[in-house]
Amino acid sequence: MQDKPRRPIADVPPLDVDGVRAVEVGTIIWLVAFIGMLPFYGRLKDDGHGWWLWTCLAGFGLGALGVEYCRRRRARHQE
């Protein structure tokens, strides 16, 4: 059985994979969605979609916890 030819590996620097930036962006998007829907809460509630607003708030809250977690993890890995 013949070995398969190996592909050359590109000399690429590692990416910043600590996740802080991605979680920060997602958290900000949840906050913007919450603030954007806030003026329409009455109409959302009347249409049975009031939970959308609270989902955005929960997404923001969990994202804030995630940002802190990722920052602490990054700090531990840099030590």
N, C-alpha and C. Protein backbone atom coordinates (compact mmCIF):
# COMPACT_ATOMS: atom_id res chain seq x y z
N MET A 1 0.84 -1.17 0.00
CA MET A 1 0.00 0.00 0.00
C MET A 1 0.89 1.24 0.00
N GLN A 2 0.65 2.15 -0.92
CA GLN A 2 1.48 3.34 -1.04
C GLN A 2 0.95 4.44 -0.13
N ASP A 3 1.88 5.22 0.41
CA ASP A 3 1.49 6.38 1.21
C ASP A 3 0.96 7.47 0.28
N LYS A 4 -0.05 8.15 0.75
CA LYS A 4 -0.58 9.27 -0.01
C LYS A 4 0.41 10.42 0.05
N PRO A 5 0.57 11.16 -1.04
CA PRO A 5 1.48 12.30 -0.98
C PRO A 5 0.93 13.36 -0.02
N ARG A 6 1.81 13.91 0.78
CA ARG A 6 1.40 14.94 1.73
C ARG A 6 1.32 16.29 1.05
N ARG A 7 0.34 17.04 1.47
CA ARG A 7 0.20 18.39 0.96
C ARG A 7 1.14 19.30 1.75
N PRO A 8 1.73 20.27 1.09
CA PRO A 8 2.59 21.20 1.84
C PRO A 8 1.75 22.04 2.79
N ILE A 9 2.29 22.27 3.97
CA ILE A 9 1.58 23.06 4.98
C ILE A 9 2.04 24.50 4.86
N ALA A 10 1.09 25.40 4.73
CA ALA A 10 1.41 26.82 4.60
C ALA A 10 1.89 27.36 5.94
N ASP A 11 2.85 28.26 5.89
CA ASP A 11 3.37 28.89 7.09
C ASP A 11 2.46 30.07 7.43
N VAL A 12 1.40 29.80 8.18
CA VAL A 12 0.40 30.80 8.52
C VAL A 12 0.44 31.03 10.03
N PRO A 13 0.47 32.28 10.47
CA PRO A 13 0.47 32.53 11.90
C PRO A 13 -0.88 32.11 12.51
N PRO A 14 -0.88 31.72 13.78
CA PRO A 14 -2.14 31.30 14.40
C PRO A 14 -3.11 32.47 14.53
N LEU A 15 -4.38 32.15 14.47
CA LEU A 15 -5.42 33.17 14.61
C LEU A 15 -5.66 33.49 16.07
N ASP A 16 -6.25 34.64 16.30
CA ASP A 16 -6.66 35.02 17.64
C ASP A 16 -7.96 34.27 17.93
N VAL A 17 -7.86 33.19 18.65
CA VAL A 17 -9.02 32.31 18.84
C VAL A 17 -9.53 32.32 20.28
N ASP A 18 -9.30 33.40 21.01
CA ASP A 18 -9.75 33.42 22.40
C ASP A 18 -11.26 33.67 22.50
N GLY A 19 -11.90 34.11 21.45
CA GLY A 19 -13.35 34.23 21.42
C GLY A 19 -13.90 35.52 21.99
N VAL A 20 -13.06 36.37 22.56
CA VAL A 20 -13.56 37.58 23.20
C VAL A 20 -14.26 38.48 22.20
N ARG A 21 -13.63 38.74 21.08
CA ARG A 21 -14.23 39.65 20.09
C ARG A 21 -15.56 39.12 19.57
N ALA A 22 -15.64 37.84 19.29
CA ALA A 22 -16.88 37.26 18.77
C ALA A 22 -18.01 37.37 19.78
N VAL A 23 -17.72 37.10 21.04
CA VAL A 23 -18.75 37.18 22.08
C VAL A 23 -19.16 38.63 22.32
N GLU A 24 -18.20 39.55 22.26
CA GLU A 24 -18.54 40.98 22.42
C GLU A 24 -19.47 41.44 21.30
N VAL A 25 -19.17 41.07 20.07
CA VAL A 25 -20.01 41.48 18.94
C VAL A 25 -21.41 40.89 19.07
N GLY A 26 -21.51 39.62 19.42
CA GLY A 26 -22.82 39.01 19.60
C GLY A 26 -23.62 39.65 20.71
N THR A 27 -22.95 40.00 21.80
CA THR A 27 -23.62 40.65 22.93
C THR A 27 -24.14 42.02 22.53
N ILE A 28 -23.35 42.76 21.78
CA ILE A 28 -23.79 44.09 21.32
C ILE A 28 -24.98 43.96 20.38
N ILE A 29 -24.99 42.95 19.54
CA ILE A 29 -26.12 42.75 18.63
C ILE A 29 -27.40 42.48 19.41
N TRP A 30 -27.31 41.65 20.47
CA TRP A 30 -28.49 41.40 21.31
C TRP A 30 -28.98 42.69 21.95
N LEU A 31 -28.06 43.53 22.43
CA LEU A 31 -28.44 44.80 23.06
C LEU A 31 -29.10 45.73 22.05
N VAL A 32 -28.56 45.82 20.86
CA VAL A 32 -29.14 46.68 19.82
C VAL A 32 -30.54 46.19 19.46
N ALA A 33 -30.71 44.87 19.37
CA ALA A 33 -32.04 44.32 19.06
C ALA A 33 -33.03 44.64 20.18
N PHE A 34 -32.59 44.54 21.43
CA PHE A 34 -33.46 44.87 22.57
C PHE A 34 -33.88 46.34 22.52
N ILE A 35 -32.90 47.23 22.34
CA ILE A 35 -33.21 48.66 22.30
C ILE A 35 -34.08 48.99 21.09
N GLY A 36 -33.83 48.33 19.97
CA GLY A 36 -34.63 48.58 18.77
C GLY A 36 -36.08 48.14 18.90
N MET A 37 -36.33 47.10 19.67
CA MET A 37 -37.70 46.61 19.85
C MET A 37 -38.43 47.26 21.01
N LEU A 38 -37.71 47.91 21.89
CA LEU A 38 -38.31 48.49 23.09
C LEU A 38 -39.46 49.45 22.79
N PRO A 39 -39.35 50.35 21.80
CA PRO A 39 -40.48 51.24 21.52
C PRO A 39 -41.73 50.50 21.00
N PHE A 40 -41.55 49.30 20.51
CA PHE A 40 -42.66 48.54 19.93
C PHE A 40 -43.19 47.46 20.87
N TYR A 41 -42.85 47.54 22.15
CA TYR A 41 -43.23 46.48 23.09
C TYR A 41 -44.74 46.29 23.13
N GLY A 42 -45.52 47.38 23.14
CA GLY A 42 -46.98 47.26 23.19
C GLY A 42 -47.53 46.48 22.01
N ARG A 43 -47.05 46.81 20.84
CA ARG A 43 -47.52 46.11 19.65
C ARG A 43 -47.05 44.66 19.64
N LEU A 44 -45.80 44.42 20.05
CA LEU A 44 -45.30 43.05 20.12
C LEU A 44 -46.14 42.22 21.09
N LYS A 45 -46.46 42.82 22.23
CA LYS A 45 -47.26 42.12 23.24
C LYS A 45 -48.66 41.82 22.70
N ASP A 46 -49.26 42.78 22.03
CA ASP A 46 -50.60 42.58 21.47
C ASP A 46 -50.62 41.48 20.42
N ASP A 47 -49.55 41.35 19.67
CA ASP A 47 -49.45 40.32 18.62
C ASP A 47 -48.96 38.98 19.14
N GLY A 48 -48.68 38.90 20.46
CA GLY A 48 -48.22 37.65 21.04
C GLY A 48 -46.72 37.41 20.90
N HIS A 49 -45.99 38.47 20.60
CA HIS A 49 -44.55 38.35 20.41
C HIS A 49 -43.76 39.13 21.46
N GLY A 50 -44.37 39.39 22.60
CA GLY A 50 -43.68 40.12 23.66
C GLY A 50 -42.44 39.41 24.16
N TRP A 51 -42.41 38.10 24.01
CA TRP A 51 -41.25 37.33 24.46
C TRP A 51 -39.99 37.63 23.66
N TRP A 52 -40.15 38.18 22.46
CA TRP A 52 -38.98 38.54 21.65
C TRP A 52 -38.09 39.53 22.40
N LEU A 53 -38.74 40.51 23.02
CA LEU A 53 -37.99 41.53 23.75
C LEU A 53 -37.19 40.90 24.89
N TRP A 54 -37.82 40.00 25.62
CA TRP A 54 -37.15 39.37 26.77
C TRP A 54 -36.08 38.37 26.32
N THR A 55 -36.26 37.80 25.13
CA THR A 55 -35.21 36.94 24.59
C THR A 55 -33.96 37.76 24.29
N CYS A 56 -34.15 38.94 23.73
CA CYS A 56 -33.00 39.82 23.45
C CYS A 56 -32.30 40.22 24.75
N LEU A 57 -33.08 40.52 25.79
CA LEU A 57 -32.49 40.89 27.06
C LEU A 57 -31.73 39.71 27.67
N ALA A 58 -32.28 38.52 27.57
CA ALA A 58 -31.58 37.33 28.07
C ALA A 58 -30.31 37.08 27.26
N GLY A 59 -30.36 37.27 25.95
CA GLY A 59 -29.17 37.12 25.12
C GLY A 59 -28.08 38.09 25.51
N PHE A 60 -28.48 39.32 25.81
CA PHE A 60 -27.51 40.31 26.25
C PHE A 60 -26.91 39.92 27.60
N GLY A 61 -27.74 39.50 28.53
CA GLY A 61 -27.25 39.12 29.86
C GLY A 61 -26.31 37.93 29.80
N LEU A 62 -26.68 36.91 29.06
CA LEU A 62 -25.81 35.74 28.92
C LEU A 62 -24.54 36.09 28.16
N GLY A 63 -24.65 36.98 27.19
CA GLY A 63 -23.47 37.43 26.46
C GLY A 63 -22.51 38.19 27.35
N ALA A 64 -23.05 39.02 28.26
CA ALA A 64 -22.19 39.74 29.20
C ALA A 64 -21.43 38.77 30.09
N LEU A 65 -22.10 37.72 30.53
CA LEU A 65 -21.41 36.69 31.32
C LEU A 65 -20.35 35.99 30.47
N GLY A 66 -20.68 35.74 29.22
CA GLY A 66 -19.74 35.09 28.31
C GLY A 66 -18.51 35.93 28.03
N VAL A 67 -18.69 37.24 27.92
CA VAL A 67 -17.55 38.14 27.70
C VAL A 67 -16.60 38.06 28.89
N GLU A 68 -17.15 38.12 30.08
CA GLU A 68 -16.31 38.04 31.28
C GLU A 68 -15.59 36.69 31.36
N TYR A 69 -16.30 35.62 31.05
CA TYR A 69 -15.68 34.29 31.05
C TYR A 69 -14.53 34.22 30.06
N CYS A 70 -14.76 34.72 28.83
CA CYS A 70 -13.71 34.66 27.80
C CYS A 70 -12.52 35.53 28.17
N ARG A 71 -12.76 36.68 28.79
CA ARG A 71 -11.65 37.55 29.21
C ARG A 71 -10.81 36.87 30.29
N ARG A 72 -11.47 36.25 31.25
CA ARG A 72 -10.72 35.55 32.30
C ARG A 72 -9.94 34.37 31.73
N ARG A 73 -10.55 33.65 30.80
CA ARG A 73 -9.86 32.52 30.17
C ARG A 73 -8.63 32.99 29.40
N ARG A 74 -8.79 34.11 28.68
CA ARG A 74 -7.66 34.68 27.93
C ARG A 74 -6.54 35.09 28.89
N ALA A 75 -6.90 35.72 30.01
CA ALA A 75 -5.89 36.14 30.98
C ALA A 75 -5.16 34.94 31.58
N ARG A 76 -5.88 33.83 31.83
CA ARG A 76 -5.23 32.63 32.37
C ARG A 76 -4.25 32.04 31.37
N HIS A 77 -4.60 32.07 30.10
CA HIS A 77 -3.73 31.49 29.07
C HIS A 77 -2.52 32.36 28.79
N GLN A 78 -2.61 33.66 29.07
CA GLN A 78 -1.48 34.55 28.82
C GLN A 78 -0.46 34.52 29.97
N GLU A 79 -0.84 33.96 31.10
CA GLU A 79 0.09 33.90 32.25
C GLU A 79 1.19 32.91 32.04
